[in-house]
C-alpha atoms as a PDB file:
ATOM      1  CA  UNK A   1     106.828 117.230  93.588  1.00  0.00           C
ATOM      2  CA  UNK A   2     109.560 118.154  96.381  1.00  0.00           C
ATOM      3  CA  UNK A   3     109.283 114.824  99.151  1.00  0.00           C
ATOM      4  CA  UNK A   4     109.799 116.881 102.223  1.00  0.00           C
ATOM      5  CA  UNK A   5     107.112 119.491 100.717  1.00  0.00           C
ATOM      6  CA  UNK A   6     104.937 116.452  99.822  1.00  0.00           C
ATOM      7  CA  UNK A   7     105.742 114.848 103.731  1.00  0.00           C
ATOM      8  CA  UNK A   8     104.684 118.697 104.891  1.00  0.00           C
ATOM      9  CA  UNK A   9     101.034 118.937 102.852  1.00  0.00           C
ATOM     10  CA  UNK A  10     100.440 114.902 104.588  1.00  0.00           C
ATOM     11  CA  UNK A  11     101.138 115.698 107.644  1.00  0.00           C
ATOM     12  CA  UNK A  12      99.536 119.675 107.708  1.00  0.00           C
ATOM     13  CA  UNK A  13      95.957 117.639 106.079  1.00  0.00           C
ATOM     14  CA  UNK A  14      96.273 115.218 108.799  1.00  0.00           C
ATOM     15  CA  UNK A  15      96.796 117.022 111.873  1.00  0.00           C
ATOM     16  CA  UNK A  16      93.966 119.628 110.646  1.00  0.00           C
ATOM     17  CA  UNK A  17      91.680 118.434 108.959  1.00  0.00           C
ATOM     18  CA  UNK A  18      91.468 114.810 110.323  1.00  0.00           C
ATOM     19  CA  UNK A  19      92.956 115.216 113.979  1.00  0.00           C
ATOM     20  CA  UNK A  20      91.808 118.710 114.769  1.00  0.00           C
ATOM     21  CA  UNK A  21      92.363 120.937 117.777  1.00  0.00           C
ATOM     22  CA  UNK A  22      92.791 119.161 120.269  1.00  0.00           C
ATOM     23  CA  UNK A  23      92.130 116.236 119.186  1.00  0.00           C
ATOM     24  CA  UNK A  24      93.387 113.435 120.925  1.00  0.00           C
ATOM     25  CA  UNK A  25      95.509 109.939 118.648  1.00  0.00           C
ATOM     26  CA  UNK A  26      98.218 108.237 118.683  1.00  0.00           C
ATOM     27  CA  UNK A  27     101.084 109.239 117.373  1.00  0.00           C
ATOM     28  CA  UNK A  28     101.613 105.696 115.380  1.00  0.00           C
ATOM     29  CA  UNK A  29      97.855 106.141 114.342  1.00  0.00           C
ATOM     30  CA  UNK A  30      98.923 109.656 112.975  1.00  0.00           C
ATOM     31  CA  UNK A  31     102.478 106.724 111.359  1.00  0.00           C
ATOM     32  CA  UNK A  32     100.092 104.840 108.634  1.00  0.00           C
ATOM     33  CA  UNK A  33      97.421 107.216 108.396  1.00  0.00           C
ATOM     34  CA  UNK A  34     100.685 108.732 106.033  1.00  0.00           C
ATOM     35  CA  UNK A  35     101.983 105.765 104.777  1.00  0.00           C
ATOM     36  CA  UNK A  36      98.468 105.133 103.595  1.00  0.00           C
ATOM     37  CA  UNK A  37      98.789 108.947 102.023  1.00  0.00           C
ATOM     38  CA  UNK A  38     102.257 108.014 100.755  1.00  0.00           C
ATOM     39  CA  UNK A  39     101.564 104.793  99.422  1.00  0.00           C
ATOM     40  CA  UNK A  40      98.216 106.896  97.375  1.00  0.00           C
ATOM     41  CA  UNK A  41      99.942 109.312  95.928  1.00  0.00           C
ATOM     42  CA  UNK A  42     102.767 106.134  94.242  1.00  0.00           C
ATOM     43  CA  UNK A  43     105.975 108.111  96.428  1.00  0.00           C
ATOM     44  CA  UNK A  44     107.843 105.101  97.268  1.00  0.00           C
ATOM     45  CA  UNK A  45     110.509 105.421 100.221  1.00  0.00           C
ATOM     46  CA  UNK A  46     110.386 102.719 102.798  1.00  0.00           C
ATOM     47  CA  UNK A  47     107.771 103.122 105.947  1.00  0.00           C
ATOM     48  CA  UNK A  48     110.814 103.155 108.665  1.00  0.00           C
ATOM     49  CA  UNK A  49     111.989 106.215 106.699  1.00  0.00           C
ATOM     50  CA  UNK A  50     108.029 107.886 106.654  1.00  0.00           C
ATOM     51  CA  UNK A  51     107.229 106.370 110.583  1.00  0.00           C
ATOM     52  CA  UNK A  52     110.916 107.927 111.453  1.00  0.00           C
ATOM     53  CA  UNK A  53     110.158 111.597 109.284  1.00  0.00           C
ATOM     54  CA  UNK A  54     107.293 111.709 111.846  1.00  0.00           C
ATOM     55  CA  UNK A  55     108.313 111.221 114.509  1.00  0.00           C
ATOM     56  CA  UNK A  56     111.130 113.874 114.989  1.00  0.00           C
ATOM     57  CA  UNK A  57     107.833 116.028 114.159  1.00  0.00           C
ATOM     58  CA  UNK A  58     105.532 115.147 116.058  1.00  0.00           C
ATOM     59  CA  UNK A  59     108.584 115.376 118.665  1.00  0.00           C
ATOM     60  CA  UNK A  60     109.190 119.186 117.931  1.00  0.00           C
ATOM     61  CA  UNK A  61     105.934 119.798 118.249  1.00  0.00           C
ATOM     62  CA  UNK A  62     105.714 118.400 121.954  1.00  0.00           C
ATOM     63  CA  UNK A  63     109.667 120.093 122.628  1.00  0.00           C
ATOM     64  CA  UNK A  64     107.712 123.777 121.254  1.00  0.00           C
ATOM     65  CA  UNK A  65     104.785 123.200 122.800  1.00  0.00           C
ATOM     66  CA  UNK A  66     102.216 123.127 120.356  1.00  0.00           C
ATOM     67  CA  UNK A  67      98.615 121.615 121.110  1.00  0.00           C
ATOM     68  CA  UNK A  68      99.803 117.532 122.102  1.00  0.00           C
ATOM     69  CA  UNK A  69     100.486 119.717 125.659  1.00  0.00           C
END
């Protein structure tokens, strides 16, 4: 499976099913959850790469006025 698709699917699952609409969270918690899922799926990327991608996704959601408002 393509790594980017996997990142998208893992992030989406956490965002939609663990946090839920309007749920509160800390950014570092989402980073940790995504890293944990990567390790479960044996996807080998440096932790700081995964954290950077998750942070960029969260920044994008914030910029477009997503449910972080």
